């Protein structure tokens, strides 16, 4: 299995194929179309990420020591962004998620090319994913 750094490098390379930001946005939209469907029961208010302009639902579960994320959004670019984050962080341990610096987001120029509200939403998504990881880690540490 690839490490977070390897998965980040894959995304850097994918975005490096495009010179124009419209092409990069289109790539994000395509990524969003590949987002696995979230179970309908998680499209509820308690799974919405606050701070996002679009509606973004995020669910996480811990399976064999790894955090598995599913998500959905009502906006195509946002769906692509959350899919990219899931690609990087899903299937990783809580500690690996907490340690991830996600510098690739700056390196591919994503933050600077998002509207301020979408950039805030991106930060909110990352924060929520790390909160899930923190909660799972705390739960693991309590288990004898």
N, C-alpha and C. Protein backbone atom coordinates (compact mmCIF):
# COMPACT_ATOMS: atom_id res chain seq x y z
N UNK A 1 0.83 -1.20 0.00
CA UNK A 1 0.00 0.00 0.00
C UNK A 1 0.87 1.26 0.00
N UNK A 2 0.44 2.26 -0.70
CA UNK A 2 1.19 3.50 -0.79
C UNK A 2 1.10 4.30 0.50
N UNK A 3 2.18 5.00 0.81
CA UNK A 3 2.15 5.89 1.96
C UNK A 3 1.45 7.18 1.57
N UNK A 4 1.14 7.99 2.55
CA UNK A 4 0.52 9.29 2.28
C UNK A 4 1.41 10.09 1.34
N UNK A 5 2.73 10.07 1.58
CA UNK A 5 3.66 10.83 0.74
C UNK A 5 3.62 10.34 -0.71
N UNK A 6 3.53 9.02 -0.90
CA UNK A 6 3.47 8.48 -2.26
C UNK A 6 2.17 8.89 -2.95
N UNK A 7 1.08 8.86 -2.21
CA UNK A 7 -0.21 9.24 -2.80
C UNK A 7 -0.22 10.74 -3.13
N UNK A 8 0.41 11.54 -2.27
CA UNK A 8 0.52 12.98 -2.56
C UNK A 8 1.33 13.19 -3.84
N UNK A 9 2.40 12.43 -4.00
CA UNK A 9 3.25 12.56 -5.19
C UNK A 9 2.47 12.20 -6.45
N UNK A 10 1.64 11.16 -6.37
CA UNK A 10 0.80 10.80 -7.52
C UNK A 10 -0.08 11.97 -7.94
N UNK A 11 -0.67 12.64 -6.96
CA UNK A 11 -1.56 13.76 -7.27
C UNK A 11 -0.76 14.94 -7.82
N UNK A 12 0.44 15.20 -7.25
CA UNK A 12 1.31 16.25 -7.79
C UNK A 12 1.58 15.98 -9.28
N UNK A 13 1.89 14.72 -9.59
CA UNK A 13 2.20 14.36 -10.98
C UNK A 13 0.98 14.51 -11.88
N UNK A 14 -0.19 14.10 -11.38
CA UNK A 14 -1.42 14.25 -12.17
C UNK A 14 -1.67 15.72 -12.51
N UNK A 15 -1.58 16.58 -11.49
CA UNK A 15 -1.83 18.00 -11.72
C UNK A 15 -0.72 18.65 -12.53
N UNK A 16 0.48 18.07 -12.48
CA UNK A 16 1.59 18.58 -13.27
C UNK A 16 1.39 18.37 -14.77
N UNK A 17 0.48 17.48 -15.13
CA UNK A 17 0.21 17.23 -16.55
C UNK A 17 -0.53 18.40 -17.20
N UNK A 18 -1.14 19.25 -16.38
CA UNK A 18 -1.96 20.35 -16.90
C UNK A 18 -1.25 21.68 -16.67
N UNK A 19 -1.19 22.49 -17.73
CA UNK A 19 -0.57 23.82 -17.61
C UNK A 19 -1.61 24.85 -17.18
N UNK A 20 -2.81 24.67 -17.61
CA UNK A 20 -3.86 25.66 -17.44
C UNK A 20 -4.74 25.29 -16.24
N UNK A 21 -5.15 26.32 -15.47
CA UNK A 21 -5.97 26.02 -14.30
C UNK A 21 -7.37 25.54 -14.67
N UNK A 22 -7.87 25.91 -15.83
CA UNK A 22 -9.18 25.38 -16.24
C UNK A 22 -9.09 23.86 -16.43
N UNK A 23 -7.98 23.39 -16.95
CA UNK A 23 -7.78 21.95 -17.11
C UNK A 23 -7.67 21.27 -15.74
N UNK A 24 -7.03 21.95 -14.81
CA UNK A 24 -6.90 21.38 -13.46
C UNK A 24 -8.27 21.32 -12.78
N UNK A 25 -9.08 22.37 -12.97
CA UNK A 25 -10.45 22.33 -12.43
C UNK A 25 -11.23 21.18 -13.04
N UNK A 26 -11.09 21.00 -14.35
CA UNK A 26 -11.77 19.89 -15.02
C UNK A 26 -11.31 18.54 -14.46
N UNK A 27 -10.03 18.45 -14.15
CA UNK A 27 -9.51 17.21 -13.54
C UNK A 27 -10.16 16.99 -12.18
N UNK A 28 -10.27 18.05 -11.41
CA UNK A 28 -10.93 17.95 -10.09
C UNK A 28 -12.38 17.48 -10.25
N UNK A 29 -13.08 18.05 -11.22
CA UNK A 29 -14.47 17.67 -11.47
C UNK A 29 -14.55 16.19 -11.84
N UNK A 30 -13.62 15.74 -12.69
CA UNK A 30 -13.58 14.32 -13.06
C UNK A 30 -13.32 13.45 -11.83
N UNK A 31 -12.41 13.90 -10.96
CA UNK A 31 -12.14 13.16 -9.73
C UNK A 31 -13.43 13.04 -8.90
N UNK A 32 -14.19 14.11 -8.86
CA UNK A 32 -15.44 14.11 -8.11
C UNK A 32 -16.43 13.09 -8.63
N UNK A 33 -16.41 12.90 -9.94
CA UNK A 33 -17.33 11.91 -10.55
C UNK A 33 -16.96 10.50 -10.14
N UNK A 34 -15.70 10.29 -9.75
CA UNK A 34 -15.24 8.96 -9.33
C UNK A 34 -15.38 8.73 -7.84
N UNK A 35 -15.90 9.72 -7.12
CA UNK A 35 -16.06 9.57 -5.67
C UNK A 35 -17.06 8.45 -5.39
N UNK A 36 -16.64 7.43 -4.64
CA UNK A 36 -17.59 6.36 -4.32
C UNK A 36 -18.79 6.93 -3.56
N UNK A 37 -19.96 6.40 -3.86
CA UNK A 37 -21.18 6.92 -3.24
C UNK A 37 -21.18 6.67 -1.73
N UNK A 38 -21.56 7.70 -1.00
CA UNK A 38 -21.71 7.57 0.45
C UNK A 38 -23.07 6.92 0.70
N UNK A 39 -23.14 6.13 1.75
CA UNK A 39 -24.41 5.51 2.11
C UNK A 39 -25.40 6.63 2.45
N UNK A 40 -26.61 6.48 1.97
CA UNK A 40 -27.64 7.51 2.14
C UNK A 40 -27.85 7.89 3.61
N UNK A 41 -27.65 6.93 4.52
CA UNK A 41 -27.87 7.23 5.94
C UNK A 41 -26.85 8.23 6.48
N UNK A 42 -25.74 8.45 5.75
CA UNK A 42 -24.74 9.43 6.18
C UNK A 42 -24.94 10.80 5.52
N UNK A 43 -25.95 10.91 4.69
CA UNK A 43 -26.28 12.22 4.11
C UNK A 43 -27.26 12.94 5.04
N UNK A 44 -26.87 13.01 6.29
CA UNK A 44 -27.69 13.63 7.34
C UNK A 44 -26.94 14.84 7.89
N UNK A 45 -27.67 15.68 8.58
CA UNK A 45 -27.11 16.93 9.10
C UNK A 45 -25.87 16.72 9.97
N UNK A 46 -25.88 15.66 10.80
CA UNK A 46 -24.74 15.47 11.72
C UNK A 46 -23.43 15.13 11.00
N UNK A 47 -23.51 14.77 9.73
CA UNK A 47 -22.30 14.44 8.96
C UNK A 47 -21.86 15.61 8.06
N UNK A 48 -22.61 16.70 8.07
CA UNK A 48 -22.23 17.86 7.26
C UNK A 48 -21.01 18.54 7.87
N UNK A 49 -20.12 19.00 7.03
CA UNK A 49 -18.94 19.73 7.50
C UNK A 49 -19.30 21.20 7.54
N UNK A 50 -19.16 21.80 8.70
CA UNK A 50 -19.45 23.24 8.79
C UNK A 50 -18.26 24.00 8.23
N UNK A 51 -18.52 25.16 7.65
CA UNK A 51 -17.45 25.96 7.08
C UNK A 51 -17.31 25.79 5.58
N UNK A 52 -18.09 24.90 5.01
CA UNK A 52 -18.05 24.71 3.56
C UNK A 52 -19.22 25.44 2.92
N UNK A 53 -18.93 26.11 1.82
CA UNK A 53 -19.99 26.81 1.08
C UNK A 53 -20.97 25.79 0.52
N UNK A 54 -20.45 24.74 -0.05
CA UNK A 54 -21.28 23.66 -0.58
C UNK A 54 -21.59 22.71 0.58
N UNK A 55 -22.58 21.87 0.39
CA UNK A 55 -22.84 20.85 1.39
C UNK A 55 -21.87 19.70 1.17
N UNK A 56 -21.17 19.33 2.24
CA UNK A 56 -20.24 18.21 2.19
C UNK A 56 -20.54 17.30 3.38
N UNK A 57 -20.85 16.06 3.05
CA UNK A 57 -21.08 15.06 4.09
C UNK A 57 -19.84 14.20 4.18
N UNK A 58 -19.39 13.93 5.41
CA UNK A 58 -18.19 13.11 5.61
C UNK A 58 -18.47 12.10 6.70
N UNK A 59 -18.17 10.85 6.41
CA UNK A 59 -18.33 9.80 7.39
C UNK A 59 -17.01 9.05 7.49
N UNK A 60 -16.68 8.61 8.69
CA UNK A 60 -15.45 7.83 8.88
C UNK A 60 -15.74 6.65 9.80
N UNK A 61 -15.03 5.57 9.54
CA UNK A 61 -15.10 4.42 10.44
C UNK A 61 -13.69 3.86 10.59
N UNK A 62 -13.48 3.18 11.70
CA UNK A 62 -12.18 2.57 11.96
C UNK A 62 -12.32 1.07 11.70
N UNK A 63 -11.46 0.57 10.84
CA UNK A 63 -11.50 -0.85 10.50
C UNK A 63 -10.08 -1.38 10.52
N UNK A 64 -9.83 -2.34 11.40
CA UNK A 64 -8.50 -2.95 11.53
C UNK A 64 -7.39 -1.90 11.68
N UNK A 65 -7.66 -0.90 12.51
CA UNK A 65 -6.67 0.12 12.81
C UNK A 65 -6.51 1.20 11.75
N UNK A 66 -7.31 1.14 10.69
CA UNK A 66 -7.24 2.14 9.61
C UNK A 66 -8.54 2.93 9.55
N UNK A 67 -8.41 4.20 9.24
CA UNK A 67 -9.59 5.07 9.11
C UNK A 67 -10.05 5.02 7.65
N UNK A 68 -11.33 4.73 7.46
CA UNK A 68 -11.91 4.69 6.12
C UNK A 68 -12.95 5.79 6.01
N UNK A 69 -12.77 6.66 5.03
CA UNK A 69 -13.67 7.80 4.84
C UNK A 69 -14.59 7.57 3.64
N UNK A 70 -15.81 8.07 3.75
CA UNK A 70 -16.69 8.22 2.61
C UNK A 70 -17.26 9.63 2.68
N UNK A 71 -17.62 10.17 1.53
CA UNK A 71 -18.10 11.55 1.51
C UNK A 71 -18.96 11.78 0.28
N UNK A 72 -19.63 12.93 0.29
CA UNK A 72 -20.37 13.38 -0.88
C UNK A 72 -20.51 14.89 -0.77
N UNK A 73 -20.79 15.52 -1.89
CA UNK A 73 -21.03 16.95 -1.91
C UNK A 73 -22.03 17.25 -3.01
N UNK A 74 -22.70 18.40 -2.86
CA UNK A 74 -23.65 18.81 -3.90
C UNK A 74 -23.00 19.72 -4.93
N UNK A 75 -21.67 19.92 -4.84
CA UNK A 75 -20.95 20.76 -5.81
C UNK A 75 -19.82 19.94 -6.43
N UNK A 76 -19.69 20.00 -7.75
CA UNK A 76 -18.73 19.14 -8.45
C UNK A 76 -17.27 19.36 -8.05
N UNK A 77 -16.84 20.62 -7.98
CA UNK A 77 -15.43 20.87 -7.62
C UNK A 77 -15.18 20.43 -6.19
N UNK A 78 -16.13 20.71 -5.30
CA UNK A 78 -15.99 20.31 -3.90
C UNK A 78 -15.93 18.79 -3.79
N UNK A 79 -16.73 18.12 -4.59
CA UNK A 79 -16.72 16.65 -4.63
C UNK A 79 -15.33 16.16 -5.03
N UNK A 80 -14.73 16.82 -6.00
CA UNK A 80 -13.38 16.47 -6.44
C UNK A 80 -12.35 16.69 -5.35
N UNK A 81 -12.49 17.80 -4.63
CA UNK A 81 -11.54 18.11 -3.55
C UNK A 81 -11.64 17.06 -2.45
N UNK A 82 -12.86 16.74 -2.04
CA UNK A 82 -13.01 15.76 -0.95
C UNK A 82 -12.55 14.37 -1.42
N UNK A 83 -12.77 14.06 -2.70
CA UNK A 83 -12.29 12.77 -3.21
C UNK A 83 -10.76 12.72 -3.17
N UNK A 84 -10.13 13.82 -3.50
CA UNK A 84 -8.67 13.88 -3.46
C UNK A 84 -8.17 13.65 -2.02
N UNK A 85 -8.82 14.28 -1.05
CA UNK A 85 -8.42 14.11 0.35
C UNK A 85 -8.64 12.67 0.81
N UNK A 86 -9.75 12.07 0.37
CA UNK A 86 -10.02 10.68 0.73
C UNK A 86 -8.97 9.77 0.11
N UNK A 87 -8.60 10.05 -1.13
CA UNK A 87 -7.55 9.25 -1.79
C UNK A 87 -6.27 9.25 -0.96
N UNK A 88 -5.95 10.39 -0.38
CA UNK A 88 -4.72 10.53 0.39
C UNK A 88 -4.85 9.89 1.77
N UNK A 89 -5.96 10.17 2.47
CA UNK A 89 -6.04 9.84 3.89
C UNK A 89 -6.79 8.55 4.22
N UNK A 90 -7.71 8.13 3.38
CA UNK A 90 -8.48 6.93 3.70
C UNK A 90 -7.58 5.70 3.66
N UNK A 91 -7.78 4.80 4.62
CA UNK A 91 -6.97 3.59 4.68
C UNK A 91 -5.69 3.77 5.45
N UNK A 92 -5.53 4.92 6.07
CA UNK A 92 -4.33 5.19 6.87
C UNK A 92 -4.65 5.08 8.36
N UNK A 93 -3.63 4.96 9.17
CA UNK A 93 -3.84 4.90 10.62
C UNK A 93 -4.19 6.30 11.13
N UNK A 94 -4.86 6.36 12.28
CA UNK A 94 -5.16 7.69 12.84
C UNK A 94 -3.89 8.54 13.00
N UNK A 95 -2.80 7.94 13.47
CA UNK A 95 -1.56 8.71 13.67
C UNK A 95 -1.02 9.25 12.35
N UNK A 96 -1.04 8.44 11.30
CA UNK A 96 -0.55 8.89 9.99
C UNK A 96 -1.38 10.07 9.49
N UNK A 97 -2.69 10.03 9.73
CA UNK A 97 -3.56 11.13 9.31
C UNK A 97 -3.23 12.39 10.10
N UNK A 98 -3.04 12.22 11.40
CA UNK A 98 -2.71 13.38 12.24
C UNK A 98 -1.36 13.98 11.86
N UNK A 99 -0.42 13.14 11.45
CA UNK A 99 0.92 13.60 11.08
C UNK A 99 1.00 14.18 9.67
N UNK A 100 0.00 13.91 8.83
CA UNK A 100 0.04 14.35 7.43
C UNK A 100 0.03 15.87 7.35
N UNK A 101 1.00 16.43 6.62
CA UNK A 101 1.04 17.90 6.49
C UNK A 101 0.32 18.39 5.24
N UNK A 102 0.07 17.50 4.29
CA UNK A 102 -0.70 17.82 3.08
C UNK A 102 -0.16 19.03 2.32
N UNK A 103 1.16 19.17 2.30
CA UNK A 103 1.79 20.29 1.59
C UNK A 103 1.53 20.24 0.09
N UNK A 104 1.17 19.05 -0.42
CA UNK A 104 0.90 18.94 -1.85
C UNK A 104 -0.19 19.90 -2.29
N UNK A 105 -1.11 20.26 -1.40
CA UNK A 105 -2.20 21.18 -1.75
C UNK A 105 -1.64 22.55 -2.17
N UNK A 106 -0.61 23.01 -1.47
CA UNK A 106 0.04 24.26 -1.85
C UNK A 106 0.88 24.06 -3.11
N UNK A 107 1.54 22.91 -3.18
CA UNK A 107 2.45 22.65 -4.30
C UNK A 107 1.72 22.55 -5.64
N UNK A 108 0.50 22.02 -5.63
CA UNK A 108 -0.25 21.97 -6.90
C UNK A 108 -0.99 23.28 -7.15
N UNK A 109 -0.92 24.21 -6.19
CA UNK A 109 -1.52 25.53 -6.37
C UNK A 109 -3.01 25.58 -6.11
N UNK A 110 -3.53 24.53 -5.46
CA UNK A 110 -4.98 24.46 -5.26
C UNK A 110 -5.51 25.60 -4.40
N UNK A 111 -4.88 25.81 -3.26
CA UNK A 111 -5.41 26.83 -2.33
C UNK A 111 -5.48 28.21 -2.98
N UNK A 112 -4.46 28.57 -3.74
CA UNK A 112 -4.44 29.92 -4.33
C UNK A 112 -5.43 30.06 -5.48
N UNK A 113 -5.92 28.93 -6.02
CA UNK A 113 -6.86 29.00 -7.15
C UNK A 113 -8.30 28.73 -6.74
N UNK A 114 -8.53 28.60 -5.44
CA UNK A 114 -9.90 28.42 -4.96
C UNK A 114 -10.43 29.76 -4.47
N UNK A 115 -11.74 29.92 -4.56
CA UNK A 115 -12.35 31.11 -3.97
C UNK A 115 -12.12 31.04 -2.46
N UNK A 116 -12.15 32.18 -1.77
CA UNK A 116 -11.93 32.16 -0.31
C UNK A 116 -12.88 31.20 0.41
N UNK A 117 -14.14 31.14 -0.03
CA UNK A 117 -15.08 30.25 0.66
C UNK A 117 -14.73 28.78 0.41
N UNK A 118 -14.29 28.46 -0.81
CA UNK A 118 -13.88 27.07 -1.09
C UNK A 118 -12.59 26.73 -0.34
N UNK A 119 -11.67 27.69 -0.26
CA UNK A 119 -10.43 27.46 0.48
C UNK A 119 -10.74 27.20 1.96
N UNK A 120 -11.68 27.96 2.51
CA UNK A 120 -12.11 27.72 3.90
C UNK A 120 -12.73 26.34 4.03
N UNK A 121 -13.50 25.95 3.03
CA UNK A 121 -14.12 24.63 3.03
C UNK A 121 -13.08 23.53 3.01
N UNK A 122 -12.03 23.72 2.23
CA UNK A 122 -10.93 22.75 2.17
C UNK A 122 -10.31 22.58 3.55
N UNK A 123 -10.04 23.70 4.22
CA UNK A 123 -9.47 23.66 5.57
C UNK A 123 -10.43 22.94 6.53
N UNK A 124 -11.72 23.22 6.38
CA UNK A 124 -12.73 22.56 7.24
C UNK A 124 -12.76 21.05 6.99
N UNK A 125 -12.64 20.63 5.74
CA UNK A 125 -12.63 19.19 5.43
C UNK A 125 -11.44 18.51 6.09
N UNK A 126 -10.27 19.13 5.94
CA UNK A 126 -9.05 18.56 6.53
C UNK A 126 -9.19 18.49 8.05
N UNK A 127 -9.69 19.57 8.63
CA UNK A 127 -9.86 19.62 10.08
C UNK A 127 -10.80 18.50 10.55
N UNK A 128 -11.91 18.29 9.84
CA UNK A 128 -12.86 17.25 10.22
C UNK A 128 -12.25 15.86 10.09
N UNK A 129 -11.47 15.64 9.04
CA UNK A 129 -10.83 14.33 8.86
C UNK A 129 -9.82 14.08 9.98
N UNK A 130 -9.10 15.11 10.37
CA UNK A 130 -8.13 14.96 11.46
C UNK A 130 -8.84 14.78 12.80
N UNK A 131 -10.00 15.42 12.97
CA UNK A 131 -10.78 15.22 14.20
C UNK A 131 -11.26 13.78 14.32
N UNK A 132 -11.72 13.21 13.22
CA UNK A 132 -12.10 11.80 13.22
C UNK A 132 -10.89 10.95 13.63
N UNK A 133 -9.74 11.22 13.04
CA UNK A 133 -8.52 10.45 13.35
C UNK A 133 -8.17 10.57 14.82
N UNK A 134 -8.27 11.77 15.35
CA UNK A 134 -7.97 12.01 16.77
C UNK A 134 -8.93 11.22 17.66
N UNK A 135 -10.21 11.23 17.33
CA UNK A 135 -11.21 10.50 18.11
C UNK A 135 -10.92 8.99 18.06
N UNK A 136 -10.60 8.47 16.87
CA UNK A 136 -10.31 7.04 16.75
C UNK A 136 -9.03 6.68 17.51
N UNK A 137 -8.06 7.57 17.46
CA UNK A 137 -6.81 7.30 18.17
C UNK A 137 -7.05 7.27 19.68
N UNK A 138 -7.84 8.20 20.18
CA UNK A 138 -8.16 8.24 21.61
C UNK A 138 -8.90 6.96 22.01
N UNK A 139 -9.80 6.53 21.17
CA UNK A 139 -10.58 5.32 21.43
C UNK A 139 -9.65 4.09 21.45
N UNK A 140 -8.72 4.03 20.50
CA UNK A 140 -7.76 2.92 20.44
C UNK A 140 -6.89 2.89 21.69
N UNK A 141 -6.48 4.06 22.16
CA UNK A 141 -5.58 4.15 23.30
C UNK A 141 -6.29 3.74 24.60
N UNK A 142 -7.61 3.86 24.63
CA UNK A 142 -8.38 3.46 25.81
C UNK A 142 -8.59 1.96 25.86
N UNK A 143 -8.64 1.33 24.69
CA UNK A 143 -8.92 -0.10 24.63
C UNK A 143 -7.72 -0.88 25.18
N UNK A 144 -7.97 -1.79 26.14
CA UNK A 144 -6.84 -2.55 26.73
C UNK A 144 -6.21 -3.51 25.74
